[in-house]
Amino acid sequence: MNVDQGLFVPGILGILEGLTEFLPVSSTAHLLLAEHFLGLSGDDWKVFTVLIQLGAILAIVIAYFGRLIGIVRDAIGGKRGAWRFILGVVLAAVPAVIAGVLLHDVIKSVYDNTVLICVMLIVGGIVLLYVDQLKLTPKYTNIYDYPPLMCLYIGLFQMLALIPGVSRSGATIVGSLLLGTDKRSAAEFSFFVAIPLMIGAFGYDFYKSRDLITSGIGLGIAVGFALAFVTAWVVVRYALDFISRNGFAPFAYWRIFVGAIGLWGVLLIR
């Protein structure tokens, strides 16, 4: 990490992480494109990207802390609905976890392919826009009523997010909508599934990068972590109301815009 850049660049990347992690726009794509066009490279930045994710994880845990405690309390009390919901989250997370571990090195090998990232942003935006405009009649409007088998199917959709630029939440939401959920509960379910997935991914990446962590990047990480936490908390706090009013079209158009601008920039620089 270049100390001459001060704290501005870590701050910008922290804000990007927090704003995009839980929205169907692909935080990975935004961070990688930002790093590409800012000329950031090296192991320090890879470690930085891994560690600031913890800020976003902490934000969603705190934002949903009361509900998480309630679910745990109900599960301990033997309430069937709580165990059904926990099972659904686990089933939705398992396919991506298995594929992520088995294909980790392959996935990382294509993370620097900015053309692929931009193309997937555009394609994902078009798909999200198409699904958002479908006249679907939702069968499920409460995440606690999601059938376990449907949650597994949602998890299979989520595996598409292993391709950089697709978006974990975007794949989860599209799968949920096509399987009969409404928009608000689809987004909320993606939040809950994100908790175990992000904790697992963070732990795995942290373990793989542990030898690269040095005290010299500590301040930049602290700034990125703090800003990722604050912006992610705001997103989680207000995203569901925004989606209820506006659907997913704004995110789809944003994906297409960023993908097109990024693709233009990549090809121009070549």
Protein backbone atom coordinates (compact mmCIF):
# COMPACT_ATOMS: atom_id res chain seq x y z
CA MET A 1 0.00 0.00 0.00
CA ASN A 2 1.53 3.29 -1.11
CA VAL A 3 1.67 5.64 1.85
CA ASP A 4 1.93 8.61 -0.55
CA GLN A 5 -1.74 8.11 -1.38
CA GLY A 6 -2.66 8.96 2.19
CA LEU A 7 -6.04 7.82 3.44
CA PHE A 8 -8.14 9.07 0.53
CA VAL A 9 -7.92 5.90 -1.57
CA PRO A 10 -8.54 3.50 1.37
CA GLY A 11 -11.50 5.69 2.32
CA ILE A 12 -12.98 5.57 -1.17
CA LEU A 13 -12.61 1.79 -1.34
CA GLY A 14 -14.16 1.41 2.10
CA ILE A 15 -17.18 3.46 1.04
CA LEU A 16 -17.49 1.42 -2.17
CA GLU A 17 -17.41 -1.82 -0.17
CA GLY A 18 -20.10 -0.65 2.23
CA LEU A 19 -22.38 0.80 -0.45
CA THR A 20 -22.27 -2.19 -2.78
CA GLU A 21 -21.82 -5.32 -0.63
CA PHE A 22 -25.52 -5.93 0.05
CA LEU A 23 -26.99 -4.48 -3.14
CA PRO A 24 -27.34 -6.42 -6.42
CA VAL A 25 -24.54 -4.44 -8.11
CA SER A 26 -21.47 -6.60 -7.25
CA SER A 27 -19.12 -5.14 -4.66
CA THR A 28 -16.30 -7.26 -6.09
CA ALA A 29 -16.71 -5.66 -9.50
CA HIS A 30 -16.74 -2.13 -8.10
CA LEU A 31 -13.65 -2.70 -5.96
CA LEU A 32 -11.67 -4.43 -8.70
CA LEU A 33 -12.54 -1.78 -11.28
CA ALA A 34 -11.64 0.98 -8.82
CA GLU A 35 -8.32 -0.66 -8.08
CA HIS A 36 -7.66 -1.17 -11.79
CA PHE A 37 -8.30 2.44 -12.81
CA LEU A 38 -6.51 3.82 -9.75
CA GLY A 39 -3.47 1.75 -10.63
CA LEU A 40 -3.49 -0.20 -7.38
CA SER A 41 -1.70 -3.53 -7.31
CA GLY A 42 0.30 -5.74 -5.02
CA ASP A 43 -0.38 -7.95 -2.05
CA ASP A 44 -1.11 -5.03 0.30
CA TRP A 45 -4.21 -4.06 -1.64
CA LYS A 46 -5.41 -7.65 -1.83
CA VAL A 47 -5.14 -7.91 1.95
CA PHE A 48 -6.84 -4.53 2.35
CA THR A 49 -9.81 -5.65 0.22
CA VAL A 50 -10.19 -8.81 2.31
CA LEU A 51 -10.00 -7.09 5.69
CA ILE A 52 -12.41 -4.21 5.05
CA GLN A 53 -15.13 -6.77 4.33
CA LEU A 54 -15.23 -7.33 8.07
CA GLY A 55 -16.68 -3.82 8.43
CA ALA A 56 -19.62 -4.75 6.20
CA ILE A 57 -20.08 -8.05 8.05
CA LEU A 58 -20.17 -6.27 11.39
CA ALA A 59 -22.69 -3.75 10.04
CA ILE A 60 -25.26 -6.34 9.01
CA VAL A 61 -24.79 -8.32 12.23
CA ILE A 62 -25.46 -5.20 14.30
CA ALA A 63 -28.35 -4.06 12.09
CA TYR A 64 -30.02 -7.47 12.44
CA PHE A 65 -28.77 -8.26 15.93
CA GLY A 66 -32.20 -8.14 17.56
CA ARG A 67 -33.73 -10.44 14.98
CA LEU A 68 -30.79 -12.83 15.10
CA ILE A 69 -31.11 -13.09 18.87
CA GLY A 70 -34.86 -13.66 18.47
CA ILE A 71 -34.26 -16.47 15.99
CA VAL A 72 -31.72 -18.12 18.28
CA ARG A 73 -34.08 -17.77 21.25
CA ASP A 74 -36.97 -19.29 19.30
CA ALA A 75 -34.75 -22.13 18.06
CA ILE A 76 -33.62 -22.93 21.61
CA GLY A 77 -37.26 -22.82 22.65
CA GLY A 78 -38.03 -25.46 20.03
CA LYS A 79 -40.16 -23.34 17.70
CA ARG A 80 -40.43 -25.14 14.40
CA GLY A 81 -40.54 -21.96 12.33
CA ALA A 82 -37.15 -20.84 13.66
CA TRP A 83 -35.48 -24.13 12.82
CA ARG A 84 -37.13 -24.10 9.40
CA PHE A 85 -35.69 -20.66 8.71
CA ILE A 86 -32.21 -21.63 9.93
CA LEU A 87 -32.32 -24.73 7.74
CA GLY A 88 -33.34 -22.59 4.78
CA VAL A 89 -30.42 -20.20 5.26
CA VAL A 90 -27.99 -23.12 5.57
CA LEU A 91 -29.34 -24.79 2.44
CA ALA A 92 -29.09 -21.52 0.51
CA ALA A 93 -25.48 -21.04 1.60
CA VAL A 94 -24.12 -24.57 1.17
CA PRO A 95 -23.84 -24.72 -2.66
CA ALA A 96 -21.82 -21.50 -2.85
CA VAL A 97 -19.60 -22.58 0.06
CA ILE A 98 -18.77 -25.93 -1.54
CA ALA A 99 -18.17 -24.44 -4.97
CA GLY A 100 -16.19 -21.53 -3.51
CA VAL A 101 -13.79 -23.83 -1.64
CA LEU A 102 -13.34 -26.25 -4.53
CA LEU A 103 -12.91 -23.53 -7.16
CA HIS A 104 -11.19 -20.88 -5.03
CA ASP A 105 -7.95 -20.77 -7.02
CA VAL A 106 -9.77 -20.85 -10.37
CA ILE A 107 -12.06 -18.01 -9.30
CA LYS A 108 -9.17 -15.86 -8.09
CA SER A 109 -7.33 -16.44 -11.38
CA VAL A 110 -10.01 -14.58 -13.35
CA TYR A 111 -10.54 -11.75 -10.85
CA ASP A 112 -8.16 -9.50 -12.75
CA ASN A 113 -10.09 -9.91 -16.01
CA THR A 114 -11.65 -6.45 -16.17
CA VAL A 115 -13.34 -7.11 -19.52
CA LEU A 116 -15.15 -10.12 -18.05
CA ILE A 117 -16.16 -8.07 -15.00
CA CYS A 118 -17.63 -5.28 -17.14
CA VAL A 119 -19.46 -7.68 -19.42
CA MET A 120 -21.00 -9.51 -16.46
CA LEU A 121 -22.07 -6.20 -14.93
CA ILE A 122 -23.94 -5.36 -18.12
CA VAL A 123 -25.42 -8.84 -18.61
CA GLY A 124 -26.43 -9.03 -14.96
CA GLY A 125 -28.05 -5.60 -15.20
CA ILE A 126 -30.09 -6.64 -18.21
CA VAL A 127 -31.21 -9.86 -16.49
CA LEU A 128 -32.12 -7.99 -13.29
CA LEU A 129 -34.06 -5.39 -15.27
CA TYR A 130 -35.94 -8.07 -17.18
CA VAL A 131 -36.88 -10.03 -14.05
CA ASP A 132 -37.83 -6.84 -12.20
CA GLN A 133 -40.38 -5.98 -14.91
CA LEU A 134 -41.98 -9.42 -15.08
CA LYS A 135 -45.56 -9.57 -13.85
CA LEU A 136 -44.93 -12.29 -11.28
CA THR A 137 -47.43 -13.23 -8.60
CA PRO A 138 -45.46 -13.90 -5.41
CA LYS A 139 -46.31 -16.98 -3.39
CA TYR A 140 -44.06 -16.05 -0.47
CA THR A 141 -43.79 -12.62 1.13
CA ASN A 142 -42.25 -13.66 4.46
CA ILE A 143 -38.74 -15.10 4.63
CA TYR A 144 -39.79 -17.37 7.50
CA ASP A 145 -42.24 -19.13 5.17
CA TYR A 146 -39.67 -20.01 2.49
CA PRO A 147 -39.72 -23.81 1.90
CA PRO A 148 -36.31 -25.43 2.56
CA LEU A 149 -36.17 -26.96 -0.93
CA MET A 150 -36.77 -23.56 -2.50
CA CYS A 151 -33.92 -22.15 -0.39
CA LEU A 152 -31.63 -24.83 -1.82
CA TYR A 153 -32.66 -23.81 -5.33
CA ILE A 154 -31.90 -20.19 -4.44
CA GLY A 155 -28.47 -21.36 -3.30
CA LEU A 156 -27.88 -22.95 -6.70
CA PHE A 157 -28.68 -19.61 -8.35
CA GLN A 158 -26.25 -17.97 -5.95
CA MET A 159 -23.39 -20.08 -7.29
CA LEU A 160 -23.44 -17.86 -10.39
CA ALA A 161 -21.96 -15.12 -8.19
CA LEU A 162 -18.64 -16.98 -8.22
CA ILE A 163 -18.16 -15.33 -11.61
CA PRO A 164 -16.76 -11.85 -10.87
CA GLY A 165 -19.26 -9.14 -11.71
CA VAL A 166 -22.40 -11.25 -11.28
CA SER A 167 -23.19 -10.21 -7.65
CA ARG A 168 -24.05 -12.58 -4.83
CA SER A 169 -27.12 -10.62 -3.77
CA GLY A 170 -28.16 -10.14 -7.39
CA ALA A 171 -28.07 -13.87 -8.13
CA THR A 172 -29.91 -14.61 -4.89
CA ILE A 173 -32.60 -12.03 -5.61
CA VAL A 174 -33.16 -13.10 -9.22
CA GLY A 175 -33.42 -16.74 -8.15
CA SER A 176 -35.82 -15.86 -5.35
CA LEU A 177 -38.10 -13.81 -7.60
CA LEU A 178 -38.26 -16.51 -10.25
CA LEU A 179 -39.09 -19.07 -7.58
CA GLY A 180 -42.09 -17.11 -6.28
CA THR A 181 -41.02 -14.51 -3.70
CA ASP A 182 -41.79 -10.82 -3.57
CA LYS A 183 -39.07 -8.18 -3.99
CA ARG A 184 -38.75 -7.06 -0.39
CA SER A 185 -38.46 -10.53 1.13
CA ALA A 186 -36.06 -11.61 -1.67
CA ALA A 187 -33.71 -8.76 -0.73
CA GLU A 188 -34.08 -9.49 2.99
CA PHE A 189 -33.35 -13.18 2.51
CA SER A 190 -30.19 -12.25 0.62
CA PHE A 191 -29.12 -10.23 3.69
CA PHE A 192 -29.50 -13.21 6.01
CA VAL A 193 -27.74 -15.60 3.65
CA ALA A 194 -24.90 -13.07 3.36
CA ILE A 195 -24.04 -13.38 7.06
CA PRO A 196 -22.68 -16.97 7.10
CA LEU A 197 -21.30 -16.67 3.57
CA MET A 198 -19.40 -13.46 4.23
CA ILE A 199 -18.07 -14.69 7.57
CA GLY A 200 -16.90 -17.91 5.93
CA ALA A 201 -15.37 -16.14 2.92
CA PHE A 202 -13.65 -13.60 5.14
CA GLY A 203 -12.22 -16.29 7.38
CA TYR A 204 -10.97 -18.32 4.42
CA ASP A 205 -9.40 -15.34 2.63
CA PHE A 206 -7.93 -14.07 5.90
CA TYR A 207 -6.30 -17.44 6.49
CA LYS A 208 -4.91 -17.54 2.94
CA SER A 209 -3.56 -13.98 3.25
CA ARG A 210 -2.37 -14.09 6.86
CA ASP A 211 1.35 -13.97 5.94
CA LEU A 212 0.84 -10.77 3.93
CA ILE A 213 -0.58 -8.71 6.80
CA THR A 214 1.87 -6.11 8.08
CA SER A 215 1.63 -3.21 10.51
CA GLY A 216 2.44 -0.77 7.70
CA ILE A 217 -1.06 -0.97 6.24
CA GLY A 218 -2.87 -0.80 9.57
CA LEU A 219 -4.12 2.80 9.39
CA GLY A 220 -5.45 2.44 5.86
CA ILE A 221 -7.28 -0.73 6.83
CA ALA A 222 -8.76 0.99 9.89
CA VAL A 223 -10.14 3.83 7.74
CA GLY A 224 -11.50 1.46 5.09
CA PHE A 225 -13.03 -0.77 7.75
CA ALA A 226 -14.74 2.14 9.53
CA LEU A 227 -16.21 3.62 6.35
CA ALA A 228 -17.31 0.20 5.09
CA PHE A 229 -19.10 -0.37 8.38
CA VAL A 230 -20.91 2.99 8.40
CA THR A 231 -22.01 2.91 4.76
CA ALA A 232 -23.04 -0.77 4.91
CA TRP A 233 -25.15 -0.10 8.02
CA VAL A 234 -26.95 2.75 6.23
CA VAL A 235 -27.58 0.54 3.19
CA VAL A 236 -28.95 -2.35 5.25
CA ARG A 237 -31.06 0.03 7.31
CA TYR A 238 -32.80 1.70 4.37
CA ALA A 239 -32.44 -0.66 1.38
CA LEU A 240 -35.62 -2.69 1.94
CA ASP A 241 -37.85 0.40 2.01
CA PHE A 242 -36.16 1.71 -1.13
CA ILE A 243 -36.64 -1.62 -2.92
CA SER A 244 -40.29 -1.79 -1.84
CA ARG A 245 -40.90 1.60 -3.48
CA ASN A 246 -38.64 1.37 -6.54
CA GLY A 247 -37.91 -2.28 -7.22
CA PHE A 248 -34.54 -3.32 -8.62
CA ALA A 249 -34.53 -1.26 -11.82
CA PRO A 250 -32.28 1.52 -10.39
CA PHE A 251 -29.63 -1.07 -9.52
CA ALA A 252 -29.96 -2.69 -12.95
CA TYR A 253 -29.43 0.62 -14.73
CA TRP A 254 -26.46 1.38 -12.46
CA ARG A 255 -24.86 -1.97 -13.31
CA ILE A 256 -25.25 -1.34 -17.02
CA PHE A 257 -23.84 2.19 -16.68
CA VAL A 258 -20.79 1.12 -14.64
CA GLY A 259 -20.16 -1.88 -16.90
CA ALA A 260 -20.36 0.23 -20.06
CA ILE A 261 -18.12 2.99 -18.69
CA GLY A 262 -15.66 0.42 -17.36
CA LEU A 263 -15.57 -1.47 -20.65
CA TRP A 264 -15.03 1.78 -22.56
CA GLY A 265 -12.20 2.72 -20.21
CA VAL A 266 -10.51 -0.69 -20.40
CA LEU A 267 -10.64 -0.78 -24.21
CA LEU A 268 -9.56 2.87 -24.52
CA ILE A 269 -6.53 2.37 -22.30
CA ARG A 270 -5.50 -0.64 -24.36
